[in-house]
Amino acid sequence: MAMHSQAQLNRTFHALGDATRRKMLSLLAKRGECTASELGTPFPIAQPTASKHIRVLEDAGLVSRLVEGKVHRFKLVMKPLKEAQDWIARHQKFWENSLDSLGELLDQMEEEGEQ
């Protein structure tokens, strides 16, 4: 995996590591587009804190920003989520195969012990 991809993946998982940011992404997924105010309103946090969360999502490439005068609108960007999903799927397959092999080895050892 290229260094750029690793850095992007790190930013994505960091952004997803916070419940408030995950809820913001869910809100964007449901609505399609939200203003900065709409993203921060559902949470018991101050506007500067909401802005910091939005910035982390933006830095991870998970949201795009459109500025219309004083209004900032955000949309969900799926590409980093897809890359994270692909990474998880690759590692899940590896561990499933490893655990299957371990299970077969343990079964074999158990059979040999019974003989």
C-alpha atoms as a PDB file:
ATOM      1  CA  MET A   1       0.000   0.000   0.000  1.00  0.00           C
ATOM      2  CA  ALA A   2       1.428   3.394  -0.932  1.00  0.00           C
ATOM      3  CA  MET A   3       2.381   5.891   1.773  1.00  0.00           C
ATOM      4  CA  HIS A   4      -0.317   8.290   0.563  1.00  0.00           C
ATOM      5  CA  SER A   5      -2.941   5.563   0.909  1.00  0.00           C
ATOM      6  CA  GLN A   6      -1.733   4.700   4.410  1.00  0.00           C
ATOM      7  CA  ALA A   7      -1.900   8.337   5.474  1.00  0.00           C
ATOM      8  CA  GLN A   8      -5.384   8.668   3.991  1.00  0.00           C
ATOM      9  CA  LEU A   9      -6.512   5.491   5.725  1.00  0.00           C
ATOM     10  CA  ASN A  10      -5.107   6.776   9.030  1.00  0.00           C
ATOM     11  CA  ARG A  11      -7.056  10.033   8.653  1.00  0.00           C
ATOM     12  CA  THR A  12     -10.220   8.121   7.795  1.00  0.00           C
ATOM     13  CA  PHE A  13     -10.005   5.802  10.807  1.00  0.00           C
ATOM     14  CA  HIS A  14      -9.100   8.725  13.077  1.00  0.00           C
ATOM     15  CA  ALA A  15     -12.186  10.615  11.873  1.00  0.00           C
ATOM     16  CA  LEU A  16     -14.373   7.543  12.320  1.00  0.00           C
ATOM     17  CA  GLY A  17     -12.990   6.991  15.827  1.00  0.00           C
ATOM     18  CA  ASP A  18     -15.261   9.636  17.328  1.00  0.00           C
ATOM     19  CA  ALA A  19     -18.990   9.059  17.910  1.00  0.00           C
ATOM     20  CA  THR A  20     -19.939  12.677  17.172  1.00  0.00           C
ATOM     21  CA  ARG A  21     -18.206  12.575  13.797  1.00  0.00           C
ATOM     22  CA  ARG A  22     -19.811   9.222  12.951  1.00  0.00           C
ATOM     23  CA  LYS A  23     -23.217  10.703  13.777  1.00  0.00           C
ATOM     24  CA  MET A  24     -22.444  13.727  11.606  1.00  0.00           C
ATOM     25  CA  LEU A  25     -21.642  11.372   8.716  1.00  0.00           C
ATOM     26  CA  SER A  26     -24.901   9.491   9.331  1.00  0.00           C
ATOM     27  CA  LEU A  27     -26.792  12.760   9.232  1.00  0.00           C
ATOM     28  CA  LEU A  28     -25.161  13.635   5.910  1.00  0.00           C
ATOM     29  CA  ALA A  29     -25.950  10.168   4.565  1.00  0.00           C
ATOM     30  CA  LYS A  30     -29.634  10.633   5.445  1.00  0.00           C
ATOM     31  CA  ARG A  31     -30.041  14.226   4.295  1.00  0.00           C
ATOM     32  CA  GLY A  32     -27.560  14.355   1.435  1.00  0.00           C
ATOM     33  CA  GLU A  33     -26.405  17.844   2.385  1.00  0.00           C
ATOM     34  CA  CYS A  34     -26.218  19.894   5.597  1.00  0.00           C
ATOM     35  CA  THR A  35     -25.015  23.310   6.628  1.00  0.00           C
ATOM     36  CA  ALA A  36     -22.390  23.587   9.345  1.00  0.00           C
ATOM     37  CA  SER A  37     -25.111  24.722  11.721  1.00  0.00           C
ATOM     38  CA  GLU A  38     -27.306  21.723  10.895  1.00  0.00           C
ATOM     39  CA  LEU A  39     -24.388  19.364  11.529  1.00  0.00           C
ATOM     40  CA  GLY A  40     -23.655  20.842  14.951  1.00  0.00           C
ATOM     41  CA  THR A  41     -27.195  21.421  16.230  1.00  0.00           C
ATOM     42  CA  PRO A  42     -28.050  17.824  17.249  1.00  0.00           C
ATOM     43  CA  PHE A  43     -25.121  17.677  19.661  1.00  0.00           C
ATOM     44  CA  PRO A  44     -24.619  19.270  23.086  1.00  0.00           C
ATOM     45  CA  ILE A  45     -21.428  20.973  21.909  1.00  0.00           C
ATOM     46  CA  ALA A  46     -20.411  24.551  21.193  1.00  0.00           C
ATOM     47  CA  GLN A  47     -20.152  25.762  17.599  1.00  0.00           C
ATOM     48  CA  PRO A  48     -16.325  25.925  17.683  1.00  0.00           C
ATOM     49  CA  THR A  49     -16.247  22.278  18.805  1.00  0.00           C
ATOM     50  CA  ALA A  50     -18.636  21.284  16.001  1.00  0.00           C
ATOM     51  CA  SER A  51     -16.397  23.158  13.558  1.00  0.00           C
ATOM     52  CA  LYS A  52     -13.362  21.193  14.777  1.00  0.00           C
ATOM     53  CA  HIS A  53     -15.210  17.918  14.201  1.00  0.00           C
ATOM     54  CA  ILE A  54     -16.227  19.053  10.723  1.00  0.00           C
ATOM     55  CA  ARG A  55     -12.619  20.016   9.968  1.00  0.00           C
ATOM     56  CA  VAL A  56     -11.411  16.515  10.931  1.00  0.00           C
ATOM     57  CA  LEU A  57     -14.020  15.003   8.588  1.00  0.00           C
ATOM     58  CA  GLU A  58     -12.968  17.399   5.857  1.00  0.00           C
ATOM     59  CA  ASP A  59      -9.241  16.707   6.375  1.00  0.00           C
ATOM     60  CA  ALA A  60     -10.010  12.984   6.051  1.00  0.00           C
ATOM     61  CA  GLY A  61     -11.796  13.674   2.770  1.00  0.00           C
ATOM     62  CA  LEU A  62     -15.064  12.323   4.171  1.00  0.00           C
ATOM     63  CA  VAL A  63     -16.966  15.531   3.488  1.00  0.00           C
ATOM     64  CA  SER A  64     -16.815  18.178   0.809  1.00  0.00           C
ATOM     65  CA  ARG A  65     -17.574  21.844   1.457  1.00  0.00           C
ATOM     66  CA  LEU A  66     -19.441  24.301  -0.751  1.00  0.00           C
ATOM     67  CA  VAL A  67     -19.388  27.927   0.369  1.00  0.00           C
ATOM     68  CA  GLU A  68     -22.343  30.127  -0.616  1.00  0.00           C
ATOM     69  CA  GLY A  69     -21.759  33.524   0.945  1.00  0.00           C
ATOM     70  CA  LYS A  70     -21.706  32.928   4.703  1.00  0.00           C
ATOM     71  CA  VAL A  71     -23.338  29.505   4.431  1.00  0.00           C
ATOM     72  CA  HIS A  72     -21.109  26.438   4.327  1.00  0.00           C
ATOM     73  CA  ARG A  73     -22.771  23.294   2.963  1.00  0.00           C
ATOM     74  CA  PHE A  74     -21.337  19.823   3.385  1.00  0.00           C
ATOM     75  CA  LYS A  75     -21.829  16.571   1.513  1.00  0.00           C
ATOM     76  CA  LEU A  76     -20.652  13.057   2.275  1.00  0.00           C
ATOM     77  CA  VAL A  77     -17.761  11.740   0.169  1.00  0.00           C
ATOM     78  CA  MET A  78     -17.844   7.958  -0.102  1.00  0.00           C
ATOM     79  CA  LYS A  79     -14.381   7.219  -1.533  1.00  0.00           C
ATOM     80  CA  PRO A  80     -12.460   7.186   1.796  1.00  0.00           C
ATOM     81  CA  LEU A  81     -15.178   5.017   3.365  1.00  0.00           C
ATOM     82  CA  LYS A  82     -14.923   2.568   0.471  1.00  0.00           C
ATOM     83  CA  GLU A  83     -11.135   2.427   0.857  1.00  0.00           C
ATOM     84  CA  ALA A  84     -11.516   1.723   4.591  1.00  0.00           C
ATOM     85  CA  GLN A  85     -14.116  -0.942   3.859  1.00  0.00           C
ATOM     86  CA  ASP A  86     -11.783  -2.576   1.318  1.00  0.00           C
ATOM     87  CA  TRP A  87      -8.914  -2.569   3.837  1.00  0.00           C
ATOM     88  CA  ILE A  88     -11.132  -4.187   6.483  1.00  0.00           C
ATOM     89  CA  ALA A  89     -12.373  -6.803   3.992  1.00  0.00           C
ATOM     90  CA  ARG A  90      -8.801  -7.772   3.028  1.00  0.00           C
ATOM     91  CA  HIS A  91      -7.773  -8.200   6.650  1.00  0.00           C
ATOM     92  CA  GLN A  92     -10.991  -9.960   7.585  1.00  0.00           C
ATOM     93  CA  LYS A  93     -10.370 -12.541   4.855  1.00  0.00           C
ATOM     94  CA  PHE A  94      -6.800 -13.069   6.086  1.00  0.00           C
ATOM     95  CA  TRP A  95      -7.913 -13.628   9.696  1.00  0.00           C
ATOM     96  CA  GLU A  96     -10.810 -15.869   8.712  1.00  0.00           C
ATOM     97  CA  ASN A  97      -8.433 -18.037   6.673  1.00  0.00           C
ATOM     98  CA  SER A  98      -5.902 -18.076   9.524  1.00  0.00           C
ATOM     99  CA  LEU A  99      -8.544 -19.091  12.053  1.00  0.00           C
ATOM    100  CA  ASP A 100      -9.851 -21.803   9.712  1.00  0.00           C
ATOM    101  CA  SER A 101      -6.311 -23.183   9.389  1.00  0.00           C
ATOM    102  CA  LEU A 102      -5.858 -23.107  13.148  1.00  0.00           C
ATOM    103  CA  GLY A 103      -9.156 -24.941  13.616  1.00  0.00           C
ATOM    104  CA  GLU A 104      -8.086 -27.638  11.169  1.00  0.00           C
ATOM    105  CA  LEU A 105      -4.739 -28.015  12.950  1.00  0.00           C
ATOM    106  CA  LEU A 106      -6.414 -28.331  16.342  1.00  0.00           C
ATOM    107  CA  ASP A 107      -8.863 -30.917  14.974  1.00  0.00           C
ATOM    108  CA  GLN A 108      -5.934 -32.888  13.520  1.00  0.00           C
ATOM    109  CA  MET A 109      -4.020 -32.731  16.809  1.00  0.00           C
ATOM    110  CA  GLU A 110      -7.096 -33.883  18.717  1.00  0.00           C
ATOM    111  CA  GLU A 111      -7.566 -36.859  16.344  1.00  0.00           C
ATOM    112  CA  GLU A 112      -3.903 -37.845  16.685  1.00  0.00           C
ATOM    113  CA  GLY A 113      -4.173 -37.648  20.469  1.00  0.00           C
ATOM    114  CA  GLU A 114      -7.155 -40.036  20.465  1.00  0.00           C
ATOM    115  CA  GLN A 115      -5.299 -42.694  18.473  1.00  0.00           C
END
